[in-house]
Amino acid sequence: MPKDSGKTNYIERFNCTSRQRVSRCARRSLAFSKSLGNLIGLLWNFIHHSNKSLPP
């Protein structure tokens, strides 16, 4: 998809929000999950909550 199409704005905004709110994705040495299951659960909850808060 070309950059000038304007359709990547939503994806880039979501990536930035997830990096800011889920510190485990930003820097592994400061806050990390000891198990993969915990990380997957955290990401699932974050994505589920962010999708639920979107207007219909």
N, C-alpha and C. Protein backbone atom coordinates (compact mmCIF):
# COMPACT_ATOMS: atom_id res chain seq x y z
N MET A 1 0.84 -1.16 0.00
CA MET A 1 0.00 0.00 0.00
C MET A 1 0.90 1.24 0.00
N PRO A 2 0.70 2.16 -0.91
CA PRO A 2 1.54 3.37 -0.95
C PRO A 2 1.30 4.27 0.25
N LYS A 3 2.34 5.00 0.64
CA LYS A 3 2.24 5.86 1.82
C LYS A 3 1.26 7.01 1.64
N ASP A 4 1.10 7.46 0.42
CA ASP A 4 0.22 8.61 0.20
C ASP A 4 -1.26 8.24 0.13
N SER A 5 -1.60 6.97 0.34
CA SER A 5 -3.00 6.57 0.28
C SER A 5 -3.77 7.01 1.52
N GLY A 6 -3.08 7.22 2.66
CA GLY A 6 -3.75 7.67 3.87
C GLY A 6 -4.46 6.58 4.64
N LYS A 7 -4.30 5.34 4.23
CA LYS A 7 -5.01 4.25 4.89
C LYS A 7 -4.20 3.60 6.01
N THR A 8 -2.98 4.05 6.21
CA THR A 8 -2.17 3.46 7.27
C THR A 8 -2.24 4.28 8.56
N ASN A 9 -2.98 5.38 8.56
CA ASN A 9 -3.07 6.24 9.73
C ASN A 9 -3.61 5.48 10.94
N TYR A 10 -4.68 4.72 10.76
CA TYR A 10 -5.28 3.98 11.87
C TYR A 10 -4.30 2.96 12.45
N ILE A 11 -3.59 2.26 11.60
CA ILE A 11 -2.65 1.24 12.04
C ILE A 11 -1.48 1.88 12.78
N GLU A 12 -0.95 2.97 12.25
CA GLU A 12 0.16 3.65 12.91
C GLU A 12 -0.26 4.23 14.26
N ARG A 13 -1.47 4.75 14.35
CA ARG A 13 -1.97 5.29 15.61
C ARG A 13 -2.13 4.17 16.64
N PHE A 14 -2.63 3.01 16.21
CA PHE A 14 -2.77 1.88 17.12
C PHE A 14 -1.41 1.39 17.60
N ASN A 15 -0.42 1.33 16.70
CA ASN A 15 0.93 0.91 17.10
C ASN A 15 1.52 1.86 18.12
N CYS A 16 1.35 3.15 17.92
CA CYS A 16 1.88 4.14 18.86
C CYS A 16 1.18 4.04 20.21
N THR A 17 -0.13 3.88 20.20
CA THR A 17 -0.89 3.75 21.45
C THR A 17 -0.48 2.49 22.19
N SER A 18 -0.31 1.40 21.49
CA SER A 18 0.08 0.15 22.16
C SER A 18 1.48 0.25 22.74
N ARG A 19 2.40 0.93 22.07
CA ARG A 19 3.74 1.11 22.63
C ARG A 19 3.71 1.97 23.89
N GLN A 20 2.83 2.97 23.92
CA GLN A 20 2.76 3.86 25.07
C GLN A 20 2.08 3.19 26.26
N ARG A 21 1.03 2.43 26.01
CA ARG A 21 0.24 1.86 27.11
C ARG A 21 0.70 0.49 27.55
N VAL A 22 1.30 -0.27 26.66
CA VAL A 22 1.78 -1.61 27.01
C VAL A 22 3.30 -1.55 27.02
N SER A 23 3.84 -1.30 28.20
CA SER A 23 5.29 -1.09 28.30
C SER A 23 6.07 -2.37 27.98
N ARG A 24 5.42 -3.50 28.06
CA ARG A 24 6.11 -4.76 27.75
C ARG A 24 6.48 -4.86 26.28
N CYS A 25 5.79 -4.09 25.44
CA CYS A 25 6.11 -4.09 24.01
C CYS A 25 7.19 -3.08 23.67
N ALA A 26 7.39 -2.11 24.53
CA ALA A 26 8.34 -1.04 24.21
C ALA A 26 9.77 -1.45 24.54
N ARG A 27 10.00 -1.89 25.76
CA ARG A 27 11.36 -2.20 26.18
C ARG A 27 11.36 -3.44 27.04
N ARG A 28 12.02 -4.45 26.62
CA ARG A 28 11.97 -5.72 27.31
C ARG A 28 12.70 -5.70 28.65
N SER A 29 13.75 -4.90 28.77
CA SER A 29 14.55 -4.95 29.98
C SER A 29 13.86 -4.30 31.17
N LEU A 30 12.91 -3.38 30.94
CA LEU A 30 12.26 -2.70 32.06
C LEU A 30 11.04 -3.45 32.57
N ALA A 31 10.19 -3.89 31.71
CA ALA A 31 8.97 -4.59 32.11
C ALA A 31 8.73 -5.70 31.10
N PHE A 32 8.82 -6.93 31.54
CA PHE A 32 8.63 -8.03 30.61
C PHE A 32 7.82 -9.13 31.28
N SER A 33 7.18 -9.96 30.47
CA SER A 33 6.42 -11.09 30.97
C SER A 33 7.35 -12.27 31.12
N LYS A 34 7.21 -12.97 32.23
CA LYS A 34 8.06 -14.14 32.43
C LYS A 34 7.59 -15.33 31.61
N SER A 35 6.34 -15.30 31.20
CA SER A 35 5.85 -16.39 30.37
C SER A 35 5.15 -15.82 29.14
N LEU A 36 5.19 -16.58 28.08
CA LEU A 36 4.56 -16.16 26.83
C LEU A 36 3.05 -16.06 26.98
N GLY A 37 2.47 -16.94 27.80
CA GLY A 37 1.03 -16.91 28.03
C GLY A 37 0.56 -15.61 28.64
N ASN A 38 1.34 -15.07 29.59
CA ASN A 38 0.99 -13.79 30.21
C ASN A 38 1.03 -12.66 29.19
N LEU A 39 2.04 -12.66 28.34
CA LEU A 39 2.16 -11.62 27.32
C LEU A 39 1.01 -11.70 26.32
N ILE A 40 0.67 -12.89 25.88
CA ILE A 40 -0.44 -13.06 24.94
C ILE A 40 -1.75 -12.62 25.58
N GLY A 41 -1.96 -12.98 26.85
CA GLY A 41 -3.17 -12.56 27.55
C GLY A 41 -3.26 -11.05 27.69
N LEU A 42 -2.15 -10.42 28.00
CA LEU A 42 -2.12 -8.97 28.13
C LEU A 42 -2.44 -8.30 26.80
N LEU A 43 -1.82 -8.77 25.73
CA LEU A 43 -2.07 -8.18 24.41
C LEU A 43 -3.51 -8.42 23.96
N TRP A 44 -4.06 -9.60 24.26
CA TRP A 44 -5.45 -9.89 23.89
C TRP A 44 -6.39 -8.94 24.61
N ASN A 45 -6.16 -8.74 25.92
CA ASN A 45 -7.01 -7.82 26.68
C ASN A 45 -6.89 -6.39 26.18
N PHE A 46 -5.69 -5.96 25.84
CA PHE A 46 -5.51 -4.60 25.34
C PHE A 46 -6.23 -4.41 24.01
N ILE A 47 -6.06 -5.34 23.09
CA ILE A 47 -6.71 -5.23 21.77
C ILE A 47 -8.22 -5.32 21.91
N HIS A 48 -8.71 -6.23 22.76
CA HIS A 48 -10.15 -6.38 22.97
C HIS A 48 -10.75 -5.09 23.55
N HIS A 49 -10.08 -4.51 24.54
CA HIS A 49 -10.58 -3.28 25.16
C HIS A 49 -10.54 -2.11 24.17
N SER A 50 -9.48 -2.01 23.39
CA SER A 50 -9.39 -0.89 22.45
C SER A 50 -10.42 -1.03 21.33
N ASN A 51 -10.70 -2.25 20.89
CA ASN A 51 -11.73 -2.45 19.86
C ASN A 51 -13.12 -2.17 20.42
N LYS A 52 -13.32 -2.51 21.70
CA LYS A 52 -14.63 -2.30 22.32
C LYS A 52 -14.92 -0.82 22.52
N SER A 53 -13.87 -0.02 22.71
CA SER A 53 -14.07 1.41 22.96
C SER A 53 -14.24 2.22 21.67
N LEU A 54 -14.10 1.61 20.51
CA LEU A 54 -14.29 2.32 19.25
C LEU A 54 -15.77 2.59 19.01
N PRO A 55 -16.11 3.72 18.41
CA PRO A 55 -17.52 3.98 18.10
C PRO A 55 -18.00 3.04 16.99
N PRO A 56 -19.29 2.71 17.02
CA PRO A 56 -19.81 1.76 16.00
C PRO A 56 -19.84 2.33 14.61
